[in-house]
Amino acid sequence: MIKKLFIIVLLSLISNNLFASDKIIISLVINNEPITNLDILNEVNYLIALNTSIKNLDKKEILSIAKDSLIKEKVKELELTKHFDLNEENKYVDNILKNIFSNLNLNNKD
């Protein structure tokens, strides 16, 4: 009896969690690298953080800009990985990131 109750509760929690979350859809694939709708929404937030005037644009236009930005970013990343190790630490890049974080009033990368 307790096992049946436990299974019912567990299944209801799992199903509620699945229905509550947004569906993640692969919007584009670039060189076997997927770009999802969640990636596009994160890019929208990133672009708005860099330039708040983007909020004034139409929603479709913002999504189009974010999608184009992700495509360019993915292509650049793929080309750079052919010639450089992107996981290697670089003091120059770290200083640039610190400047960006301070301009956005952020304390760290997280």
PDB file of N, CA and C in Angstrom:
ATOM      1  N   MET A   1       0.819  -1.197   0.000  1.00  0.00           N
ATOM      2  CA  MET A   1       0.000   0.000   0.000  1.00  0.00           C
ATOM      3  C   MET A   1       0.863   1.262   0.000  1.00  0.00           C
ATOM      4  N   ILE A   2       1.901   1.272   0.840  1.00  0.00           N
ATOM      5  CA  ILE A   2       2.781   2.437   0.926  1.00  0.00           C
ATOM      6  C   ILE A   2       3.563   2.592  -0.376  1.00  0.00           C
ATOM      7  N   LYS A   3       3.970   1.466  -0.985  1.00  0.00           N
ATOM      8  CA  LYS A   3       4.696   1.530  -2.245  1.00  0.00           C
ATOM      9  C   LYS A   3       3.829   2.135  -3.345  1.00  0.00           C
ATOM     10  N   LYS A   4       2.548   1.739  -3.397  1.00  0.00           N
ATOM     11  CA  LYS A   4       1.647   2.278  -4.409  1.00  0.00           C
ATOM     12  C   LYS A   4       1.451   3.778  -4.221  1.00  0.00           C
ATOM     13  N   LEU A   5       1.293   4.199  -2.979  1.00  0.00           N
ATOM     14  CA  LEU A   5       1.120   5.616  -2.685  1.00  0.00           C
ATOM     15  C   LEU A   5       2.378   6.400  -3.067  1.00  0.00           C
ATOM     16  N   PHE A   6       3.524   5.846  -2.736  1.00  0.00           N
ATOM     17  CA  PHE A   6       4.792   6.485  -3.075  1.00  0.00           C
ATOM     18  C   PHE A   6       4.943   6.635  -4.583  1.00  0.00           C
ATOM     19  N   ILE A   7       4.609   5.607  -5.332  1.00  0.00           N
ATOM     20  CA  ILE A   7       4.722   5.642  -6.793  1.00  0.00           C
ATOM     21  C   ILE A   7       3.760   6.665  -7.380  1.00  0.00           C
ATOM     22  N   ILE A   8       2.538   6.727  -6.856  1.00  0.00           N
ATOM     23  CA  ILE A   8       1.554   7.697  -7.351  1.00  0.00           C
ATOM     24  C   ILE A   8       2.036   9.118  -7.101  1.00  0.00           C
ATOM     25  N   VAL A   9       2.538   9.381  -5.902  1.00  0.00           N
ATOM     26  CA  VAL A   9       3.039  10.718  -5.580  1.00  0.00           C
ATOM     27  C   VAL A   9       4.236  11.067  -6.451  1.00  0.00           C
ATOM     28  N   LEU A  10       5.146  10.127  -6.627  1.00  0.00           N
ATOM     29  CA  LEU A  10       6.322  10.355  -7.445  1.00  0.00           C
ATOM     30  C   LEU A  10       5.947  10.655  -8.894  1.00  0.00           C
ATOM     31  N   LEU A  11       5.042   9.885  -9.448  1.00  0.00           N
ATOM     32  CA  LEU A  11       4.608  10.104 -10.828  1.00  0.00           C
ATOM     33  C   LEU A  11       3.891  11.442 -10.995  1.00  0.00           C
ATOM     34  N   SER A  12       3.091  11.815 -10.007  1.00  0.00           N
ATOM     35  CA  SER A  12       2.397  13.102 -10.112  1.00  0.00           C
ATOM     36  C   SER A  12       3.379  14.262 -10.038  1.00  0.00           C
ATOM     37  N   LEU A  13       4.417  14.152  -9.217  1.00  0.00           N
ATOM     38  CA  LEU A  13       5.431  15.204  -9.147  1.00  0.00           C
ATOM     39  C   LEU A  13       6.203  15.316 -10.452  1.00  0.00           C
ATOM     40  N   ILE A  14       6.568  14.192 -11.017  1.00  0.00           N
ATOM     41  CA  ILE A  14       7.301  14.193 -12.277  1.00  0.00           C
ATOM     42  C   ILE A  14       6.449  14.773 -13.397  1.00  0.00           C
ATOM     43  N   SER A  15       5.204  14.363 -13.497  1.00  0.00           N
ATOM     44  CA  SER A  15       4.349  14.855 -14.576  1.00  0.00           C
ATOM     45  C   SER A  15       4.056  16.336 -14.412  1.00  0.00           C
ATOM     46  N   ASN A  16       3.845  16.806 -13.185  1.00  0.00           N
ATOM     47  CA  ASN A  16       3.617  18.232 -12.972  1.00  0.00           C
ATOM     48  C   ASN A  16       4.838  19.046 -13.352  1.00  0.00           C
ATOM     49  N   ASN A  17       6.004  18.548 -13.044  1.00  0.00           N
ATOM     50  CA  ASN A  17       7.230  19.248 -13.376  1.00  0.00           C
ATOM     51  C   ASN A  17       7.421  19.311 -14.889  1.00  0.00           C
ATOM     52  N   LEU A  18       7.090  18.261 -15.595  1.00  0.00           N
ATOM     53  CA  LEU A  18       7.228  18.251 -17.048  1.00  0.00           C
ATOM     54  C   LEU A  18       6.256  19.204 -17.712  1.00  0.00           C
ATOM     55  N   PHE A  19       5.036  19.272 -17.226  1.00  0.00           N
ATOM     56  CA  PHE A  19       4.047  20.151 -17.829  1.00  0.00           C
ATOM     57  C   PHE A  19       4.289  21.608 -17.484  1.00  0.00           C
ATOM     58  N   ALA A  20       4.926  21.872 -16.349  1.00  0.00           N
ATOM     59  CA  ALA A  20       5.158  23.245 -15.926  1.00  0.00           C
ATOM     60  C   ALA A  20       6.304  23.897 -16.688  1.00  0.00           C
ATOM     61  N   SER A  21       7.256  23.110 -17.150  1.00  0.00           N
ATOM     62  CA  SER A  21       8.417  23.693 -17.812  1.00  0.00           C
ATOM     63  C   SER A  21       8.101  24.012 -19.273  1.00  0.00           C
ATOM     64  N   ASP A  22       8.800  25.015 -19.800  1.00  0.00           N
ATOM     65  CA  ASP A  22       8.646  25.364 -21.207  1.00  0.00           C
ATOM     66  C   ASP A  22       9.315  24.305 -22.068  1.00  0.00           C
ATOM     67  N   LYS A  23       8.784  24.134 -23.252  1.00  0.00           N
ATOM     68  CA  LYS A  23       9.395  23.185 -24.172  1.00  0.00           C
ATOM     69  C   LYS A  23      10.646  23.804 -24.781  1.00  0.00           C
ATOM     70  N   ILE A  24      11.684  23.017 -24.848  1.00  0.00           N
ATOM     71  CA  ILE A  24      12.910  23.465 -25.486  1.00  0.00           C
ATOM     72  C   ILE A  24      12.923  22.886 -26.891  1.00  0.00           C
ATOM     73  N   ILE A  25      13.005  23.780 -27.854  1.00  0.00           N
ATOM     74  CA  ILE A  25      12.935  23.397 -29.262  1.00  0.00           C
ATOM     75  C   ILE A  25      14.228  23.803 -29.947  1.00  0.00           C
ATOM     76  N   ILE A  26      14.775  22.910 -30.737  1.00  0.00           N
ATOM     77  CA  ILE A  26      15.962  23.244 -31.524  1.00  0.00           C
ATOM     78  C   ILE A  26      15.515  24.096 -32.702  1.00  0.00           C
ATOM     79  N   SER A  27      15.970  25.347 -32.712  1.00  0.00           N
ATOM     80  CA  SER A  27      15.573  26.279 -33.763  1.00  0.00           C
ATOM     81  C   SER A  27      16.469  26.192 -34.980  1.00  0.00           C
ATOM     82  N   LEU A  28      17.777  26.048 -34.733  1.00  0.00           N
ATOM     83  CA  LEU A  28      18.763  26.002 -35.811  1.00  0.00           C
ATOM     84  C   LEU A  28      19.835  24.979 -35.490  1.00  0.00           C
ATOM     85  N   VAL A  29      20.500  24.508 -36.521  1.00  0.00           N
ATOM     86  CA  VAL A  29      21.669  23.654 -36.341  1.00  0.00           C
ATOM     87  C   VAL A  29      22.761  24.197 -37.255  1.00  0.00           C
ATOM     88  N   ILE A  30      23.904  24.537 -36.633  1.00  0.00           N
ATOM     89  CA  ILE A  30      25.031  25.056 -37.397  1.00  0.00           C
ATOM     90  C   ILE A  30      26.212  24.128 -37.177  1.00  0.00           C
ATOM     91  N   ASN A  31      26.587  23.414 -38.236  1.00  0.00           N
ATOM     92  CA  ASN A  31      27.712  22.483 -38.184  1.00  0.00           C
ATOM     93  C   ASN A  31      27.556  21.506 -37.009  1.00  0.00           C
ATOM     94  N   ASN A  32      26.412  20.887 -36.921  1.00  0.00           N
ATOM     95  CA  ASN A  32      26.056  19.929 -35.863  1.00  0.00           C
ATOM     96  C   ASN A  32      26.005  20.544 -34.464  1.00  0.00           C
ATOM     97  N   GLU A  33      25.920  21.858 -34.359  1.00  0.00           N
ATOM     98  CA  GLU A  33      25.787  22.560 -33.087  1.00  0.00           C
ATOM     99  C   GLU A  33      24.365  23.127 -33.012  1.00  0.00           C
ATOM    100  N   PRO A  34      23.534  22.615 -32.099  1.00  0.00           N
ATOM    101  CA  PRO A  34      22.148  23.093 -32.028  1.00  0.00           C
ATOM    102  C   PRO A  34      22.037  24.458 -31.341  1.00  0.00           C
ATOM    103  N   ILE A  35      21.081  25.235 -31.803  1.00  0.00           N
ATOM    104  CA  ILE A  35      20.699  26.492 -31.155  1.00  0.00           C
ATOM    105  C   ILE A  35      19.222  26.361 -30.820  1.00  0.00           C
ATOM    106  N   THR A  36      18.909  26.436 -29.523  1.00  0.00           N
ATOM    107  CA  THR A  36      17.536  26.236 -29.068  1.00  0.00           C
ATOM    108  C   THR A  36      16.825  27.563 -28.858  1.00  0.00           C
ATOM    109  N   ASN A  37      15.513  27.469 -28.657  1.00  0.00           N
ATOM    110  CA  ASN A  37      14.742  28.669 -28.358  1.00  0.00           C
ATOM    111  C   ASN A  37      15.198  29.294 -27.040  1.00  0.00           C
ATOM    112  N   LEU A  38      15.667  28.485 -26.105  1.00  0.00           N
ATOM    113  CA  LEU A  38      16.185  28.995 -24.843  1.00  0.00           C
ATOM    114  C   LEU A  38      17.478  29.787 -25.060  1.00  0.00           C
ATOM    115  N   ASP A  39      18.321  29.313 -25.970  1.00  0.00           N
ATOM    116  CA  ASP A  39      19.535  30.051 -26.323  1.00  0.00           C
ATOM    117  C   ASP A  39      19.191  31.424 -26.894  1.00  0.00           C
ATOM    118  N   ILE A  40      18.163  31.466 -27.724  1.00  0.00           N
ATOM    119  CA  ILE A  40      17.749  32.730 -28.336  1.00  0.00           C
ATOM    120  C   ILE A  40      17.221  33.687 -27.273  1.00  0.00           C
ATOM    121  N   LEU A  41      16.430  33.190 -26.334  1.00  0.00           N
ATOM    122  CA  LEU A  41      15.921  34.049 -25.261  1.00  0.00           C
ATOM    123  C   LEU A  41      17.051  34.546 -24.369  1.00  0.00           C
ATOM    124  N   ASN A  42      18.036  33.705 -24.097  1.00  0.00           N
ATOM    125  CA  ASN A  42      19.196  34.147 -23.329  1.00  0.00           C
ATOM    126  C   ASN A  42      19.977  35.213 -24.081  1.00  0.00           C
ATOM    127  N   GLU A  43      20.072  35.074 -25.398  1.00  0.00           N
ATOM    128  CA  GLU A  43      20.765  36.074 -26.219  1.00  0.00           C
ATOM    129  C   GLU A  43      19.998  37.400 -26.213  1.00  0.00           C
ATOM    130  N   VAL A  44      18.670  37.328 -26.212  1.00  0.00           N
ATOM    131  CA  VAL A  44      17.859  38.553 -26.108  1.00  0.00           C
ATOM    132  C   VAL A  44      18.196  39.270 -24.808  1.00  0.00           C
ATOM    133  N   ASN A  45      18.216  38.539 -23.703  1.00  0.00           N
ATOM    134  CA  ASN A  45      18.541  39.145 -22.409  1.00  0.00           C
ATOM    135  C   ASN A  45      19.950  39.720 -22.402  1.00  0.00           C
ATOM    136  N   TYR A  46      20.879  39.019 -23.015  1.00  0.00           N
ATOM    137  CA  TYR A  46      22.265  39.484 -23.106  1.00  0.00           C
ATOM    138  C   TYR A  46      22.346  40.781 -23.911  1.00  0.00           C
ATOM    139  N   LEU A  47      21.677  40.823 -25.053  1.00  0.00           N
ATOM    140  CA  LEU A  47      21.710  42.017 -25.890  1.00  0.00           C
ATOM    141  C   LEU A  47      21.048  43.206 -25.199  1.00  0.00           C
ATOM    142  N   ILE A  48      19.961  42.946 -24.471  1.00  0.00           N
ATOM    143  CA  ILE A  48      19.295  44.022 -23.728  1.00  0.00           C
ATOM    144  C   ILE A  48      20.196  44.539 -22.611  1.00  0.00           C
ATOM    145  N   ALA A  49      20.960  43.630 -21.984  1.00  0.00           N
ATOM    146  CA  ALA A  49      21.880  44.060 -20.929  1.00  0.00           C
ATOM    147  C   ALA A  49      22.982  44.956 -21.493  1.00  0.00           C
ATOM    148  N   LEU A  50      23.412  44.666 -22.712  1.00  0.00           N
ATOM    149  CA  LEU A  50      24.447  45.484 -23.340  1.00  0.00           C
ATOM    150  C   LEU A  50      23.911  46.794 -23.892  1.00  0.00           C
ATOM    151  N   ASN A  51      22.676  46.777 -24.372  1.00  0.00           N
ATOM    152  CA  ASN A  51      22.087  47.976 -24.984  1.00  0.00           C
ATOM    153  C   ASN A  51      20.596  48.012 -24.659  1.00  0.00           C
ATOM    154  N   THR A  52      20.222  48.818 -23.679  1.00  0.00           N
ATOM    155  CA  THR A  52      18.828  48.846 -23.215  1.00  0.00           C
ATOM    156  C   THR A  52      17.860  49.423 -24.241  1.00  0.00           C
ATOM    157  N   SER A  53      18.347  50.127 -25.236  1.00  0.00           N
ATOM    158  CA  SER A  53      17.448  50.684 -26.243  1.00  0.00           C
ATOM    159  C   SER A  53      16.831  49.604 -27.131  1.00  0.00           C
ATOM    160  N   ILE A  54      17.363  48.384 -27.068  1.00  0.00           N
ATOM    161  CA  ILE A  54      16.797  47.273 -27.842  1.00  0.00           C
ATOM    162  C   ILE A  54      15.381  46.963 -27.373  1.00  0.00           C
ATOM    163  N   LYS A  55      15.087  47.256 -26.117  1.00  0.00           N
ATOM    164  CA  LYS A  55      13.740  47.018 -25.589  1.00  0.00           C
ATOM    165  C   LYS A  55      12.668  47.755 -26.378  1.00  0.00           C
ATOM    166  N   ASN A  56      13.046  48.857 -27.011  1.00  0.00           N
ATOM    167  CA  ASN A  56      12.082  49.676 -27.746  1.00  0.00           C
ATOM    168  C   ASN A  56      11.682  49.075 -29.091  1.00  0.00           C
ATOM    169  N   LEU A  57      12.403  48.073 -29.529  1.00  0.00           N
ATOM    170  CA  LEU A  57      12.097  47.442 -30.823  1.00  0.00           C
ATOM    171  C   LEU A  57      10.930  46.471 -30.698  1.00  0.00           C
ATOM    172  N   ASP A  58      10.392  46.087 -31.837  1.00  0.00           N
ATOM    173  CA  ASP A  58       9.321  45.103 -31.900  1.00  0.00           C
ATOM    174  C   ASP A  58       9.860  43.737 -31.463  1.00  0.00           C
ATOM    175  N   LYS A  59       9.003  42.913 -30.822  1.00  0.00           N
ATOM    176  CA  LYS A  59       9.437  41.614 -30.297  1.00  0.00           C
ATOM    177  C   LYS A  59       9.997  40.715 -31.399  1.00  0.00           C
ATOM    178  N   LYS A  60       9.371  40.686 -32.559  1.00  0.00           N
ATOM    179  CA  LYS A  60       9.865  39.862 -33.668  1.00  0.00           C
ATOM    180  C   LYS A  60      11.234  40.341 -34.124  1.00  0.00           C
ATOM    181  N   GLU A  61      11.421  41.652 -34.130  1.00  0.00           N
ATOM    182  CA  GLU A  61      12.689  42.225 -34.553  1.00  0.00           C
ATOM    183  C   GLU A  61      13.805  41.871 -33.556  1.00  0.00           C
ATOM    184  N   ILE A  62      13.471  41.936 -32.261  1.00  0.00           N
ATOM    185  CA  ILE A  62      14.447  41.581 -31.223  1.00  0.00           C
ATOM    186  C   ILE A  62      14.858  40.114 -31.373  1.00  0.00           C
ATOM    187  N   LEU A  63      13.879  39.233 -31.577  1.00  0.00           N
ATOM    188  CA  LEU A  63      14.184  37.808 -31.749  1.00  0.00           C
ATOM    189  C   LEU A  63      15.028  37.562 -32.995  1.00  0.00           C
ATOM    190  N   SER A  64      14.749  38.290 -34.059  1.00  0.00           N
ATOM    191  CA  SER A  64      15.523  38.153 -35.289  1.00  0.00           C
ATOM    192  C   SER A  64      16.968  38.601 -35.072  1.00  0.00           C
ATOM    193  N   ILE A  65      17.144  39.712 -34.370  1.00  0.00           N
ATOM    194  CA  ILE A  65      18.494  40.203 -34.075  1.00  0.00           C
ATOM    195  C   ILE A  65      19.241  39.194 -33.210  1.00  0.00           C
ATOM    196  N   ALA A  66      18.567  38.646 -32.212  1.00  0.00           N
ATOM    197  CA  ALA A  66      19.195  37.674 -31.319  1.00  0.00           C
ATOM    198  C   ALA A  66      19.587  36.411 -32.086  1.00  0.00           C
ATOM    199  N   LYS A  67      18.710  35.958 -32.977  1.00  0.00           N
ATOM    200  CA  LYS A  67      19.005  34.753 -33.771  1.00  0.00           C
ATOM    201  C   LYS A  67      20.209  34.995 -34.677  1.00  0.00           C
ATOM    202  N   ASP A  68      20.246  36.159 -35.342  1.00  0.00           N
ATOM    203  CA  ASP A  68      21.377  36.492 -36.205  1.00  0.00           C
ATOM    204  C   ASP A  68      22.672  36.592 -35.401  1.00  0.00           C
ATOM    205  N   SER A  69      22.572  37.170 -34.207  1.00  0.00           N
ATOM    206  CA  SER A  69      23.732  37.303 -33.338  1.00  0.00           C
ATOM    207  C   SER A  69      24.274  35.935 -32.928  1.00  0.00           C
ATOM    208  N   LEU A  70      23.379  35.014 -32.592  1.00  0.00           N
ATOM    209  CA  LEU A  70      23.808  33.662 -32.223  1.00  0.00           C
ATOM    210  C   LEU A  70      24.450  32.920 -33.386  1.00  0.00           C
ATOM    211  N   ILE A  71      23.908  33.106 -34.574  1.00  0.00           N
ATOM    212  CA  ILE A  71      24.481  32.460 -35.762  1.00  0.00           C
ATOM    213  C   ILE A  71      25.906  32.955 -35.977  1.00  0.00           C
ATOM    214  N   LYS A  72      26.082  34.278 -35.916  1.00  0.00           N
ATOM    215  CA  LYS A  72      27.422  34.853 -36.101  1.00  0.00           C
ATOM    216  C   LYS A  72      28.374  34.370 -35.008  1.00  0.00           C
ATOM    217  N   GLU A  73      27.884  34.347 -33.775  1.00  0.00           N
ATOM    218  CA  GLU A  73      28.710  33.904 -32.652  1.00  0.00           C
ATOM    219  C   GLU A  73      29.143  32.453 -32.814  1.00  0.00           C
ATOM    220  N   LYS A  74      28.226  31.594 -33.232  1.00  0.00           N
ATOM    221  CA  LYS A  74      28.523  30.172 -33.396  1.00  0.00           C
ATOM    222  C   LYS A  74      29.530  29.947 -34.527  1.00  0.00           C
ATOM    223  N   VAL A  75      29.369  30.672 -35.639  1.00  0.00           N
ATOM    224  CA  VAL A  75      30.291  30.537 -36.762  1.00  0.00           C
ATOM    225  C   VAL A  75      31.686  31.009 -36.348  1.00  0.00           C
ATOM    226  N   LYS A  76      31.749  32.143 -35.635  1.00  0.00           N
ATOM    227  CA  LYS A  76      33.045  32.640 -35.166  1.00  0.00           C
ATOM    228  C   LYS A  76      33.706  31.648 -34.224  1.00  0.00           C
ATOM    229  N   GLU A  77      32.918  31.096 -33.312  1.00  0.00           N
ATOM    230  CA  GLU A  77      33.457  30.125 -32.357  1.00  0.00           C
ATOM    231  C   GLU A  77      34.008  28.898 -33.080  1.00  0.00           C
ATOM    232  N   LEU A  78      33.275  28.393 -34.057  1.00  0.00           N
ATOM    233  CA  LEU A  78      33.731  27.222 -34.806  1.00  0.00           C
ATOM    234  C   LEU A  78      35.023  27.506 -35.560  1.00  0.00           C
ATOM    235  N   GLU A  79      35.130  28.691 -36.141  1.00  0.00           N
ATOM    236  CA  GLU A  79      36.344  29.045 -36.875  1.00  0.00           C
ATOM    237  C   GLU A  79      37.528  29.256 -35.930  1.00  0.00           C
ATOM    238  N   LEU A  80      37.274  29.877 -34.781  1.00  0.00           N
ATOM    239  CA  LEU A  80      38.357  30.118 -33.827  1.00  0.00           C
ATOM    240  C   LEU A  80      38.890  28.829 -33.223  1.00  0.00           C
ATOM    241  N   THR A  81      38.006  27.862 -32.998  1.00  0.00           N
ATOM    242  CA  THR A  81      38.456  26.597 -32.416  1.00  0.00           C
ATOM    243  C   THR A  81      39.352  25.810 -33.380  1.00  0.00           C
ATOM    244  N   LYS A  82      39.279  26.133 -34.649  1.00  0.00           N
ATOM    245  CA  LYS A  82      40.165  25.481 -35.610  1.00  0.00           C
ATOM    246  C   LYS A  82      41.618  25.928 -35.411  1.00  0.00           C
ATOM    247  N   HIS A  83      41.823  27.149 -34.904  1.00  0.00           N
ATOM    248  CA  HIS A  83      43.159  27.721 -34.825  1.00  0.00           C
ATOM    249  C   HIS A  83      43.662  27.968 -33.406  1.00  0.00           C
ATOM    250  N   PHE A  84      42.750  28.064 -32.433  1.00  0.00           N
ATOM    251  CA  PHE A  84      43.145  28.416 -31.070  1.00  0.00           C
ATOM    252  C   PHE A  84      42.481  27.500 -30.054  1.00  0.00           C
ATOM    253  N   ASP A  85      43.116  27.399 -28.883  1.00  0.00           N
ATOM    254  CA  ASP A  85      42.520  26.694 -27.753  1.00  0.00           C
ATOM    255  C   ASP A  85      41.757  27.718 -26.925  1.00  0.00           C
ATOM    256  N   LEU A  86      40.440  27.698 -27.008  1.00  0.00           N
ATOM    257  CA  LEU A  86      39.614  28.703 -26.338  1.00  0.00           C
ATOM    258  C   LEU A  86      39.478  28.468 -24.837  1.00  0.00           C
ATOM    259  N   ASN A  87      39.891  27.302 -24.354  1.00  0.00           N
ATOM    260  CA  ASN A  87      39.818  27.022 -22.921  1.00  0.00           C
ATOM    261  C   ASN A  87      41.042  27.529 -22.160  1.00  0.00           C
ATOM    262  N   GLU A  88      42.058  27.939 -22.891  1.00  0.00           N
ATOM    263  CA  GLU A  88      43.281  28.446 -22.275  1.00  0.00           C
ATOM    264  C   GLU A  88      43.017  29.829 -21.670  1.00  0.00           C
ATOM    265  N   GLU A  89      43.557  30.063 -20.452  1.00  0.00           N
ATOM    266  CA  GLU A  89      43.359  31.358 -19.802  1.00  0.00           C
ATOM    267  C   GLU A  89      44.168  32.439 -20.505  1.00  0.00           C
ATOM    268  N   ASN A  90      43.573  33.647 -20.550  1.00  0.00           N
ATOM    269  CA  ASN A  90      44.204  34.773 -21.212  1.00  0.00           C
ATOM    270  C   ASN A  90      43.981  36.006 -20.346  1.00  0.00           C
ATOM    271  N   LYS A  91      45.082  36.612 -19.863  1.00  0.00           N
ATOM    272  CA  LYS A  91      44.968  37.762 -18.963  1.00  0.00           C
ATOM    273  C   LYS A  91      44.320  38.954 -19.644  1.00  0.00           C
ATOM    274  N   TYR A  92      44.594  39.147 -20.913  1.00  0.00           N
ATOM    275  CA  TYR A  92      44.014  40.268 -21.656  1.00  0.00           C
ATOM    276  C   TYR A  92      42.489  40.136 -21.725  1.00  0.00           C
ATOM    277  N   VAL A  93      42.025  38.955 -22.034  1.00  0.00           N
ATOM    278  CA  VAL A  93      40.585  38.705 -22.107  1.00  0.00           C
ATOM    279  C   VAL A  93      39.948  38.841 -20.728  1.00  0.00           C
ATOM    280  N   ASP A  94      40.638  38.355 -19.698  1.00  0.00           N
ATOM    281  CA  ASP A  94      40.122  38.473 -18.337  1.00  0.00           C
ATOM    282  C   ASP A  94      39.959  39.938 -17.929  1.00  0.00           C
ATOM    283  N   ASN A  95      40.907  40.798 -18.319  1.00  0.00           N
ATOM    284  CA  ASN A  95      40.793  42.229 -18.011  1.00  0.00           C
ATOM    285  C   ASN A  95      39.612  42.865 -18.740  1.00  0.00           C
ATOM    286  N   ILE A  96      39.407  42.473 -19.983  1.00  0.00           N
ATOM    287  CA  ILE A  96      38.266  43.003 -20.743  1.00  0.00           C
ATOM    288  C   ILE A  96      36.955  42.575 -20.084  1.00  0.00           C
ATOM    289  N   LEU A  97      36.885  41.318 -19.674  1.00  0.00           N
ATOM    290  CA  LEU A  97      35.674  40.832 -19.005  1.00  0.00           C
ATOM    291  C   LEU A  97      35.424  41.570 -17.691  1.00  0.00           C
ATOM    292  N   LYS A  98      36.488  41.837 -16.932  1.00  0.00           N
ATOM    293  CA  LYS A  98      36.337  42.589 -15.687  1.00  0.00           C
ATOM    294  C   LYS A  98      35.777  43.972 -15.955  1.00  0.00           C
ATOM    295  N   ASN A  99      36.246  44.619 -17.027  1.00  0.00           N
ATOM    296  CA  ASN A  99      35.728  45.947 -17.389  1.00  0.00           C
ATOM    297  C   ASN A  99      34.253  45.893 -17.759  1.00  0.00           C
ATOM    298  N   ILE A 100      33.888  44.876 -18.512  1.00  0.00           N
ATOM    299  CA  ILE A 100      32.473  44.721 -18.900  1.00  0.00           C
ATOM    300  C   ILE A 100      31.610  44.488 -17.668  1.00  0.00           C
ATOM    301  N   PHE A 101      32.081  43.617 -16.762  1.00  0.00           N
ATOM    302  CA  PHE A 101      31.328  43.334 -15.534  1.00  0.00           C
ATOM    303  C   PHE A 101      31.172  44.584 -14.693  1.00  0.00           C
ATOM    304  N   SER A 102      32.233  45.385 -14.590  1.00  0.00           N
ATOM    305  CA  SER A 102      32.135  46.599 -13.775  1.00  0.00           C
ATOM    306  C   SER A 102      31.196  47.615 -14.423  1.00  0.00           C
ATOM    307  N   ASN A 103      31.186  47.700 -15.762  1.00  0.00           N
ATOM    308  CA  ASN A 103      30.270  48.611 -16.454  1.00  0.00           C
ATOM    309  C   ASN A 103      28.813  48.202 -16.260  1.00  0.00           C
ATOM    310  N   LEU A 104      28.583  46.904 -16.105  1.00  0.00           N
ATOM    311  CA  LEU A 104      27.224  46.400 -15.894  1.00  0.00           C
ATOM    312  C   LEU A 104      26.876  46.280 -14.410  1.00  0.00           C
ATOM    313  N   ASN A 105      27.775  46.736 -13.535  1.00  0.00           N
ATOM    314  CA  ASN A 105      27.604  46.654 -12.082  1.00  0.00           C
ATOM    315  C   ASN A 105      27.435  45.217 -11.586  1.00  0.00           C
ATOM    316  N   LEU A 106      28.221  44.321 -12.169  1.00  0.00           N
ATOM    317  CA  LEU A 106      28.220  42.917 -11.745  1.00  0.00           C
ATOM    318  C   LEU A 106      29.509  42.621 -10.999  1.00  0.00           C
ATOM    319  N   ASN A 107      29.405  41.761 -10.000  1.00  0.00           N
ATOM    320  CA  ASN A 107      30.570  41.454  -9.178  1.00  0.00           C
ATOM    321  C   ASN A 107      31.431  40.317  -9.724  1.00  0.00           C
ATOM    322  N   ASN A 108      30.798  39.352 -10.406  1.00  0.00           N
ATOM    323  CA  ASN A 108      31.552  38.208 -10.915  1.00  0.00           C
ATOM    324  C   ASN A 108      30.865  37.621 -12.142  1.00  0.00           C
ATOM    325  N   LYS A 109      31.441  36.580 -12.694  1.00  0.00           N
ATOM    326  CA  LYS A 109      30.893  35.965 -13.909  1.00  0.00           C
ATOM    327  C   LYS A 109      29.527  35.331 -13.692  1.00  0.00           C
ATOM    328  N   ASP A 110      29.316  34.785 -12.507  1.00  0.00           N
ATOM    329  CA  ASP A 110      28.040  34.120 -12.234  1.00  0.00           C
ATOM    330  C   ASP A 110      26.911  35.120 -12.240  1.00  0.00           C
TER     331      ASP A 110
END
